[in-house]
Amino acid sequence: MYNLLAKSEQLVRYTATQYSRYLYTTVRWDNRLIGIKGARGTGKTTLLLQRLKSLQLPAAKAAYFSLDDIFFTQNLFADVAEQFYREGGKMLFLDEVHKYPGWAREIKNLYDFFPDLQVVFTGSSIIDLAKEEGDLSRRALMYELQGLSFREYLGLSGIVNIESLSLQDLLHNATAIRDLFPADFRPLAHFRTYLSQGYYPFFREDPEGFHQRLAQMVRVVVEYDMAVLKGFDPRNARKLLQLLFILSANVPYKPNLTQLAQKADVHRNTILNYLVYLENARLIRLLQASGAGLSLLQKPEKVYLNNTNLAYALSGEPPNTGNLRETFFFSQMQSLFSVTAPSQGDFLVDNQYLFEIGGKQKTYDQIAGHPNSYVVRDDLEYPVGKFFPLWVFGCLY
């Protein structure tokens, strides 16, 4: 265990704290059991280490363990955690918990048997706590870490720092938006870069190799991370990758399940399961029709990639501009609100706000009859009447 504590101290020592993600100030850190889910590459580990560093406690009191450490292939996590507690440990920050067999049951036991031990854990967006052995869903306070918003990208890049906006303020106090930014701020140039490589925090490490690394990460998610899914046969990973690449070349895709099944060489009844798997892995987003039921296995109205960076990494050709517009808007809004496909317009948010997405030629005519309707265009720098710039919807978290 002492080697683990030494690793924890070293990681904390080298963790930068100049910038923290939106979720850092949202998490109720005093809760006994906290879980943070999220897609691979979104910054969950950094979030844990920043919190641990802020406590300024020795590793013997508050420690970080990654459960995919080779140490845990030969040592039981339960024994290590009990030893840590018996020797005075008070807080455990556990990373990559889904890599350890039986992790949910062991964390449940820590919660039940050591009431003064606080546990914060991170895991893949794929995991469903209610289906895990031990059922932590009634014990853990759960959060999900999204990828970088455009606002966070601007801050992390050192371009400009602003507070997040509420949707109400954005729509009803639009004239004040310009005053939040420096006079010389030109959002559109930065926005184009964000669409290509701004959603994942690791863009700073190697901008030139970003898309290659992202494509490799997608393969790891499908071939390795999805193995924890109940009912998923890892031997079908290749077909799932094939399906993802088919979708990436056709998004936004209005599903024809029979045709899609033929292209991916899987049974038609399997396609919906595969779409749900890819959505849970945060590789795609499924847009359901407004008024549709809540069944997981229903045909979506449209299929999108999870974020615009994936469009650049997975497609062999430059992404379609219309696809990028809709994917960006959907990805930013769905992180905070219910988003569905209406009969008119492109997106209905919280069953209240109707949005039509387009370029400089887009008019208001198609949605003029709806009381809370807005046109979102990618050529605008700032709002003008009922016309809003696309980029500003990336400032909501």
Protein backbone atom coordinates (compact mmCIF):
# COMPACT_ATOMS: atom_id res chain seq x y z
CA MET A 1 0.00 0.00 0.00
CA TYR A 2 2.84 2.38 0.75
CA ASN A 3 3.90 2.45 -2.90
CA LEU A 4 0.34 3.47 -3.75
CA LEU A 5 0.49 6.30 -1.23
CA ALA A 6 3.79 7.47 -2.71
CA LYS A 7 2.23 7.48 -6.19
CA SER A 8 -0.70 9.46 -4.84
CA GLU A 9 1.59 12.11 -3.33
CA GLN A 10 3.56 12.42 -6.56
CA LEU A 11 0.47 12.81 -8.73
CA VAL A 12 -1.00 15.44 -6.43
CA ARG A 13 2.29 17.34 -6.37
CA TYR A 14 2.34 17.69 -10.16
CA THR A 15 -1.36 18.49 -10.60
CA ALA A 16 -1.99 21.99 -11.97
CA THR A 17 -4.75 23.96 -10.28
CA GLN A 18 -4.79 27.17 -12.32
CA TYR A 19 -7.94 26.08 -14.16
CA SER A 20 -10.70 23.76 -12.97
CA ARG A 21 -13.73 22.38 -14.79
CA TYR A 22 -17.30 23.57 -14.32
CA LEU A 23 -18.15 20.50 -12.25
CA TYR A 24 -15.56 21.29 -9.58
CA THR A 25 -17.76 23.95 -7.98
CA THR A 26 -20.95 21.93 -8.51
CA VAL A 27 -20.01 18.73 -6.67
CA ARG A 28 -21.11 18.59 -3.03
CA TRP A 29 -17.73 17.42 -1.82
CA ASP A 30 -18.87 16.86 1.78
CA ASN A 31 -21.08 13.91 0.81
CA ARG A 32 -19.95 10.49 2.08
CA LEU A 33 -20.11 8.76 -1.29
CA ILE A 34 -19.69 10.65 -4.56
CA GLY A 35 -19.52 9.18 -8.05
CA ILE A 36 -18.39 11.01 -11.18
CA LYS A 37 -19.07 9.40 -14.55
CA GLY A 38 -17.89 10.64 -17.90
CA ALA A 39 -16.51 9.75 -21.28
CA ARG A 40 -12.88 8.75 -21.59
CA GLY A 41 -10.64 11.80 -22.01
CA THR A 42 -12.91 14.42 -20.44
CA GLY A 43 -10.75 15.10 -17.37
CA LYS A 44 -12.16 13.02 -14.51
CA THR A 45 -8.72 12.13 -13.12
CA THR A 46 -7.60 15.76 -13.05
CA LEU A 47 -10.81 16.71 -11.26
CA LEU A 48 -10.11 14.15 -8.51
CA LEU A 49 -6.49 15.21 -8.10
CA GLN A 50 -7.36 18.91 -7.97
CA ARG A 51 -9.84 18.26 -5.18
CA LEU A 52 -7.32 16.12 -3.32
CA LYS A 53 -4.64 18.79 -3.68
CA SER A 54 -6.96 21.47 -2.30
CA LEU A 55 -7.35 19.49 0.95
CA GLN A 56 -3.63 19.78 1.76
CA LEU A 57 -3.66 16.48 3.64
CA PRO A 58 -0.95 13.79 3.71
CA ALA A 59 -1.59 10.69 1.61
CA ALA A 60 -2.03 8.67 4.80
CA LYS A 61 -5.19 10.70 5.44
CA ALA A 62 -6.48 11.31 1.90
CA ALA A 63 -5.22 9.24 -1.03
CA TYR A 64 -5.78 8.67 -4.74
CA PHE A 65 -5.86 5.07 -6.02
CA SER A 66 -6.44 4.07 -9.64
CA LEU A 67 -8.14 0.68 -9.71
CA ASP A 68 -6.60 -0.18 -13.06
CA ASP A 69 -3.14 -0.06 -11.41
CA ILE A 70 -1.31 -3.34 -11.93
CA PHE A 71 -1.04 -3.56 -8.12
CA PHE A 72 -4.72 -4.51 -7.95
CA THR A 73 -4.27 -7.52 -10.23
CA GLN A 74 -2.49 -9.25 -7.34
CA ASN A 75 -3.98 -7.46 -4.32
CA LEU A 76 -7.58 -7.15 -3.19
CA PHE A 77 -8.87 -3.60 -3.13
CA ALA A 78 -10.99 -4.40 -0.05
CA ASP A 79 -7.86 -5.36 1.93
CA VAL A 80 -5.99 -2.22 0.86
CA ALA A 81 -8.94 0.04 1.69
CA GLU A 82 -9.37 -1.55 5.12
CA GLN A 83 -5.67 -1.18 5.89
CA PHE A 84 -5.82 2.47 4.79
CA TYR A 85 -8.78 3.06 7.12
CA ARG A 86 -7.27 1.17 10.09
CA GLU A 87 -4.11 3.28 9.81
CA GLY A 88 -6.04 6.55 10.04
CA GLY A 89 -7.19 7.18 6.46
CA LYS A 90 -10.24 9.40 6.09
CA MET A 91 -10.76 9.99 2.36
CA LEU A 92 -10.31 7.77 -0.69
CA PHE A 93 -10.34 9.09 -4.24
CA LEU A 94 -10.79 6.11 -6.56
CA ASP A 95 -10.24 6.34 -10.31
CA GLU A 96 -11.25 3.97 -13.12
CA VAL A 97 -13.37 1.85 -10.78
CA HIS A 98 -15.09 0.01 -13.64
CA LYS A 99 -11.76 -1.71 -14.43
CA TYR A 100 -11.89 -3.66 -11.15
CA PRO A 101 -14.18 -6.73 -10.98
CA GLY A 102 -16.83 -6.38 -8.28
CA TRP A 103 -15.98 -2.73 -7.64
CA ALA A 104 -19.55 -1.66 -6.83
CA ARG A 105 -19.98 -4.32 -4.16
CA GLU A 106 -16.67 -3.40 -2.51
CA ILE A 107 -17.43 0.32 -2.48
CA LYS A 108 -20.86 -0.47 -1.01
CA ASN A 109 -19.15 -2.41 1.78
CA LEU A 110 -16.85 0.54 2.51
CA TYR A 111 -19.89 2.77 2.75
CA ASP A 112 -21.74 0.37 5.06
CA PHE A 113 -18.89 -0.73 7.35
CA PHE A 114 -16.78 2.45 7.64
CA PRO A 115 -19.26 5.29 8.19
CA ASP A 116 -16.56 7.93 8.76
CA LEU A 117 -14.67 7.12 5.54
CA GLN A 118 -15.46 9.36 2.59
CA VAL A 119 -15.19 7.87 -0.91
CA VAL A 120 -15.13 9.72 -4.22
CA PHE A 121 -14.94 7.53 -7.32
CA THR A 122 -14.86 7.98 -11.08
CA GLY A 123 -15.97 5.57 -13.76
CA SER A 124 -16.87 5.27 -17.39
CA SER A 125 -20.07 6.83 -18.71
CA ILE A 126 -20.93 3.27 -19.76
CA ILE A 127 -21.63 2.01 -16.25
CA ASP A 128 -25.20 1.82 -14.96
CA LEU A 129 -25.05 1.87 -11.17
CA ALA A 130 -28.53 0.45 -10.76
CA LYS A 131 -27.43 -2.71 -12.61
CA GLU A 132 -24.17 -3.19 -10.74
CA GLU A 133 -23.93 -5.76 -7.98
CA GLY A 134 -24.42 -3.90 -4.71
CA ASP A 135 -26.58 -1.16 -6.29
CA LEU A 136 -24.84 2.08 -5.39
CA SER A 137 -27.55 4.17 -7.04
CA ARG A 138 -29.34 4.65 -3.69
CA ARG A 139 -26.15 5.53 -1.82
CA ALA A 140 -23.95 7.55 -4.15
CA LEU A 141 -24.45 11.15 -5.17
CA MET A 142 -23.76 10.93 -8.91
CA TYR A 143 -22.51 13.48 -11.40
CA GLU A 144 -21.45 13.34 -15.04
CA LEU A 145 -18.51 15.32 -16.40
CA GLN A 146 -19.14 16.55 -19.92
CA GLY A 147 -16.47 17.51 -22.43
CA LEU A 148 -15.27 21.08 -22.57
CA SER A 149 -17.85 23.71 -23.43
CA PHE A 150 -16.73 26.49 -25.75
CA ARG A 151 -16.59 28.78 -22.70
CA GLU A 152 -14.25 26.35 -20.91
CA TYR A 153 -12.13 25.97 -24.03
CA LEU A 154 -11.63 29.75 -24.16
CA GLY A 155 -10.63 29.80 -20.49
CA LEU A 156 -8.34 26.78 -20.64
CA SER A 157 -6.63 28.22 -23.73
CA GLY A 158 -6.01 31.53 -21.96
CA ILE A 159 -8.11 33.47 -24.49
CA VAL A 160 -10.83 34.90 -22.26
CA ASN A 161 -12.49 33.99 -18.95
CA ILE A 162 -16.22 34.52 -18.42
CA GLU A 163 -18.85 33.08 -16.09
CA SER A 164 -21.33 30.61 -17.55
CA LEU A 165 -24.62 32.02 -18.83
CA SER A 166 -28.11 30.78 -18.06
CA LEU A 167 -30.35 30.00 -21.02
CA GLN A 168 -32.90 32.49 -19.68
CA ASP A 169 -30.33 35.29 -19.58
CA LEU A 170 -29.05 34.39 -23.00
CA LEU A 171 -32.47 34.48 -24.64
CA HIS A 172 -34.00 37.40 -22.74
CA ASN A 173 -31.00 39.68 -22.11
CA ALA A 174 -29.23 39.15 -25.40
CA THR A 175 -28.07 42.76 -25.73
CA ALA A 176 -25.90 42.34 -22.62
CA ILE A 177 -23.90 39.45 -24.13
CA ARG A 178 -21.47 41.70 -25.99
CA ASP A 179 -20.52 43.49 -22.74
CA LEU A 180 -19.24 40.23 -21.21
CA PHE A 181 -16.36 40.02 -23.68
CA PRO A 182 -13.39 42.28 -24.43
CA ALA A 183 -13.97 44.73 -27.28
CA ASP A 184 -11.36 43.00 -29.45
CA PHE A 185 -12.71 39.47 -28.89
CA ARG A 186 -13.50 37.75 -32.20
CA PRO A 187 -15.39 34.55 -31.35
CA LEU A 188 -15.71 32.98 -34.79
CA ALA A 189 -12.00 32.30 -35.35
CA HIS A 190 -11.67 30.55 -31.98
CA PHE A 191 -14.97 28.75 -32.52
CA ARG A 192 -13.73 27.04 -35.69
CA THR A 193 -10.74 25.68 -33.79
CA TYR A 194 -12.97 24.48 -30.94
CA LEU A 195 -15.22 22.57 -33.34
CA SER A 196 -12.18 20.70 -34.63
CA GLN A 197 -10.28 20.00 -31.42
CA GLY A 198 -11.67 21.76 -28.37
CA TYR A 199 -14.05 19.30 -26.70
CA TYR A 200 -11.44 17.13 -24.98
CA PRO A 201 -8.95 18.76 -22.56
CA PHE A 202 -6.00 16.81 -23.97
CA PHE A 203 -6.02 19.06 -27.07
CA ARG A 204 -3.29 21.11 -25.36
CA GLU A 205 -0.84 18.21 -25.15
CA ASP A 206 -0.39 17.61 -28.89
CA PRO A 207 -2.57 19.76 -31.19
CA GLU A 208 -1.02 18.25 -34.32
CA GLY A 209 -1.71 14.67 -33.25
CA PHE A 210 -5.08 15.37 -31.62
CA HIS A 211 -7.33 13.70 -34.21
CA GLN A 212 -5.16 10.59 -34.42
CA ARG A 213 -5.18 10.27 -30.65
CA LEU A 214 -8.95 10.76 -30.56
CA ALA A 215 -9.51 8.06 -33.18
CA GLN A 216 -7.32 5.69 -31.15
CA MET A 217 -9.28 6.56 -28.01
CA VAL A 218 -12.55 5.69 -29.75
CA ARG A 219 -11.16 2.28 -30.64
CA VAL A 220 -10.10 1.68 -27.02
CA VAL A 221 -13.59 2.62 -25.79
CA VAL A 222 -15.27 0.14 -28.14
CA GLU A 223 -12.77 -2.70 -27.89
CA TYR A 224 -11.90 -2.43 -24.19
CA ASP A 225 -14.22 -0.24 -22.11
CA MET A 226 -17.41 -1.77 -23.46
CA ALA A 227 -16.39 -5.17 -22.16
CA VAL A 228 -17.94 -4.15 -18.81
CA LEU A 229 -21.40 -3.87 -20.37
CA LYS A 230 -23.75 -6.65 -19.39
CA GLY A 231 -24.97 -8.39 -22.53
CA PHE A 232 -22.23 -7.04 -24.79
CA ASP A 233 -20.07 -9.64 -26.51
CA PRO A 234 -16.55 -8.19 -26.98
CA ARG A 235 -16.23 -10.31 -30.12
CA ASN A 236 -18.70 -7.91 -31.73
CA ALA A 237 -16.49 -4.86 -31.13
CA ARG A 238 -15.39 -4.82 -34.76
CA LYS A 239 -19.01 -4.64 -35.95
CA LEU A 240 -19.71 -1.85 -33.49
CA LEU A 241 -16.73 0.11 -34.82
CA GLN A 242 -17.97 -0.51 -38.34
CA LEU A 243 -21.39 0.85 -37.38
CA LEU A 244 -19.81 3.95 -35.83
CA PHE A 245 -17.79 4.70 -38.96
CA ILE A 246 -20.88 4.25 -41.14
CA LEU A 247 -22.74 6.74 -38.94
CA SER A 248 -19.84 9.20 -38.92
CA ALA A 249 -20.01 9.45 -42.71
CA ASN A 250 -23.77 10.05 -42.73
CA VAL A 251 -24.69 12.12 -39.66
CA PRO A 252 -27.11 13.60 -38.91
CA TYR A 253 -28.60 10.24 -39.84
CA LYS A 254 -32.31 9.49 -40.00
CA PRO A 255 -32.18 5.79 -39.26
CA ASN A 256 -33.30 3.16 -41.71
CA LEU A 257 -32.68 0.19 -39.44
CA THR A 258 -32.90 -2.47 -42.14
CA GLN A 259 -30.42 -0.66 -44.38
CA LEU A 260 -28.11 0.08 -41.45
CA ALA A 261 -28.17 -3.57 -40.36
CA GLN A 262 -27.16 -4.70 -43.84
CA LYS A 263 -24.26 -2.24 -44.02
CA ALA A 264 -22.98 -3.20 -40.57
CA ASP A 265 -23.63 -6.92 -41.15
CA VAL A 266 -25.72 -7.38 -38.00
CA HIS A 267 -29.31 -8.42 -37.35
CA ARG A 268 -31.86 -5.62 -37.55
CA ASN A 269 -33.00 -6.27 -33.97
CA THR A 270 -29.41 -5.81 -32.77
CA ILE A 271 -28.97 -2.35 -34.28
CA LEU A 272 -30.98 -0.52 -31.61
CA ASN A 273 -28.94 -2.20 -28.87
CA TYR A 274 -25.74 -1.12 -30.60
CA LEU A 275 -26.97 2.47 -30.91
CA VAL A 276 -27.69 2.54 -27.17
CA TYR A 277 -24.23 1.10 -26.42
CA LEU A 278 -22.59 3.84 -28.52
CA GLU A 279 -24.71 6.50 -26.85
CA ASN A 280 -23.79 5.25 -23.37
CA ALA A 281 -20.13 5.38 -24.39
CA ARG A 282 -20.71 9.04 -25.34
CA LEU A 283 -19.71 8.41 -28.94
CA ILE A 284 -23.10 9.27 -30.46
CA ARG A 285 -26.26 11.11 -29.44
CA LEU A 286 -29.77 9.88 -30.20
CA LEU A 287 -32.40 12.54 -30.88
CA GLN A 288 -35.89 11.29 -30.10
CA ALA A 289 -39.06 12.78 -31.56
CA SER A 290 -40.97 15.20 -29.34
CA GLY A 291 -43.76 13.34 -27.57
CA ALA A 292 -42.09 9.95 -28.00
CA GLY A 293 -42.10 7.45 -25.14
CA LEU A 294 -39.23 6.77 -22.77
CA SER A 295 -38.33 3.29 -24.01
CA LEU A 296 -34.59 2.85 -24.52
CA LEU A 297 -35.11 0.56 -27.48
CA GLN A 298 -37.14 2.83 -29.73
CA LYS A 299 -36.04 4.09 -33.10
CA PRO A 300 -34.54 7.59 -32.74
CA GLU A 301 -35.55 10.42 -35.03
CA LYS A 302 -31.92 11.22 -35.83
CA VAL A 303 -28.44 10.04 -34.89
CA TYR A 304 -25.56 12.46 -34.32
CA LEU A 305 -21.96 12.03 -33.27
CA ASN A 306 -21.48 12.98 -29.62
CA ASN A 307 -19.45 16.09 -30.44
CA THR A 308 -17.92 17.87 -33.41
CA ASN A 309 -14.34 16.75 -32.67
CA LEU A 310 -15.37 13.18 -33.48
CA ALA A 311 -16.57 14.30 -36.91
CA TYR A 312 -13.04 15.43 -37.76
CA ALA A 313 -11.38 12.37 -36.23
CA LEU A 314 -13.59 9.64 -37.71
CA SER A 315 -14.56 10.89 -41.15
CA GLY A 316 -12.12 10.59 -44.01
CA GLU A 317 -13.44 13.82 -45.50
CA PRO A 318 -13.99 17.37 -44.15
CA PRO A 319 -17.22 17.35 -42.09
CA ASN A 320 -20.37 18.85 -43.55
CA THR A 321 -20.97 22.37 -42.21
CA GLY A 322 -24.65 21.74 -41.51
CA ASN A 323 -23.73 18.60 -39.57
CA LEU A 324 -21.23 20.55 -37.45
CA ARG A 325 -23.80 23.24 -36.62
CA GLU A 326 -26.45 20.80 -35.44
CA THR A 327 -24.01 18.50 -33.64
CA PHE A 328 -22.52 21.39 -31.67
CA PHE A 329 -25.90 22.80 -30.65
CA PHE A 330 -27.24 19.38 -29.66
CA SER A 331 -24.12 18.45 -27.67
CA GLN A 332 -24.05 21.67 -25.65
CA MET A 333 -27.78 21.81 -24.96
CA GLN A 334 -28.29 18.13 -24.13
CA SER A 335 -25.66 18.44 -21.41
CA LEU A 336 -28.13 20.61 -19.48
CA PHE A 337 -31.62 20.20 -20.90
CA SER A 338 -34.09 17.82 -22.47
CA VAL A 339 -33.73 18.09 -26.26
CA THR A 340 -36.12 16.51 -28.76
CA ALA A 341 -36.94 16.70 -32.48
CA PRO A 342 -40.07 18.82 -33.12
CA SER A 343 -42.40 18.68 -36.12
CA GLN A 344 -41.22 22.19 -37.05
CA GLY A 345 -37.69 23.50 -36.56
CA ASP A 346 -34.61 21.50 -35.63
CA PHE A 347 -34.59 21.20 -31.82
CA LEU A 348 -37.13 21.63 -29.03
CA VAL A 349 -35.49 22.36 -25.66
CA ASP A 350 -37.32 21.50 -22.43
CA ASN A 351 -40.58 21.33 -24.42
CA GLN A 352 -40.51 25.13 -24.46
CA TYR A 353 -37.88 26.71 -26.70
CA LEU A 354 -37.82 26.00 -30.43
CA PHE A 355 -34.60 26.45 -32.40
CA GLU A 356 -33.82 26.44 -36.11
CA ILE A 357 -30.13 26.03 -36.93
CA GLY A 358 -28.48 27.33 -40.10
CA GLY A 359 -26.12 29.68 -41.92
CA LYS A 360 -26.37 33.27 -43.10
CA GLN A 361 -29.33 32.55 -45.40
CA LYS A 362 -31.47 31.03 -42.65
CA THR A 363 -34.70 32.99 -42.07
CA TYR A 364 -37.29 33.03 -39.29
CA ASP A 365 -40.21 32.04 -41.54
CA GLN A 366 -40.25 28.31 -40.76
CA ILE A 367 -40.78 28.75 -37.00
CA ALA A 368 -42.51 32.15 -36.85
CA GLY A 369 -45.73 30.67 -35.45
CA HIS A 370 -44.10 29.39 -32.24
CA PRO A 371 -44.02 31.87 -29.30
CA ASN A 372 -40.55 30.91 -28.01
CA SER A 373 -38.70 30.35 -31.26
CA TYR A 374 -35.22 31.42 -32.30
CA VAL A 375 -32.90 31.14 -35.27
CA VAL A 376 -29.31 30.11 -34.54
CA ARG A 377 -26.72 31.04 -37.18
CA ASP A 378 -23.03 30.27 -37.40
CA ASP A 379 -22.07 33.53 -39.14
CA LEU A 380 -23.11 35.93 -36.36
CA GLU A 381 -20.76 37.33 -33.73
CA TYR A 382 -23.52 38.57 -31.38
CA PRO A 383 -27.33 38.30 -31.09
CA VAL A 384 -29.60 40.39 -33.29
CA GLY A 385 -33.29 40.23 -32.37
CA LYS A 386 -34.42 36.61 -32.58
CA PHE A 387 -31.22 35.61 -34.38
CA PHE A 388 -28.48 34.17 -32.16
CA PRO A 389 -24.88 33.20 -32.89
CA LEU A 390 -24.22 29.48 -32.66
CA TRP A 391 -21.07 29.86 -30.56
CA VAL A 392 -22.84 31.57 -27.66
CA PHE A 393 -24.71 28.34 -26.84
CA GLY A 394 -21.32 26.97 -25.84
CA CYS A 395 -21.24 29.33 -22.85
CA LEU A 396 -23.96 27.64 -20.78
CA TYR A 397 -21.66 25.52 -18.57
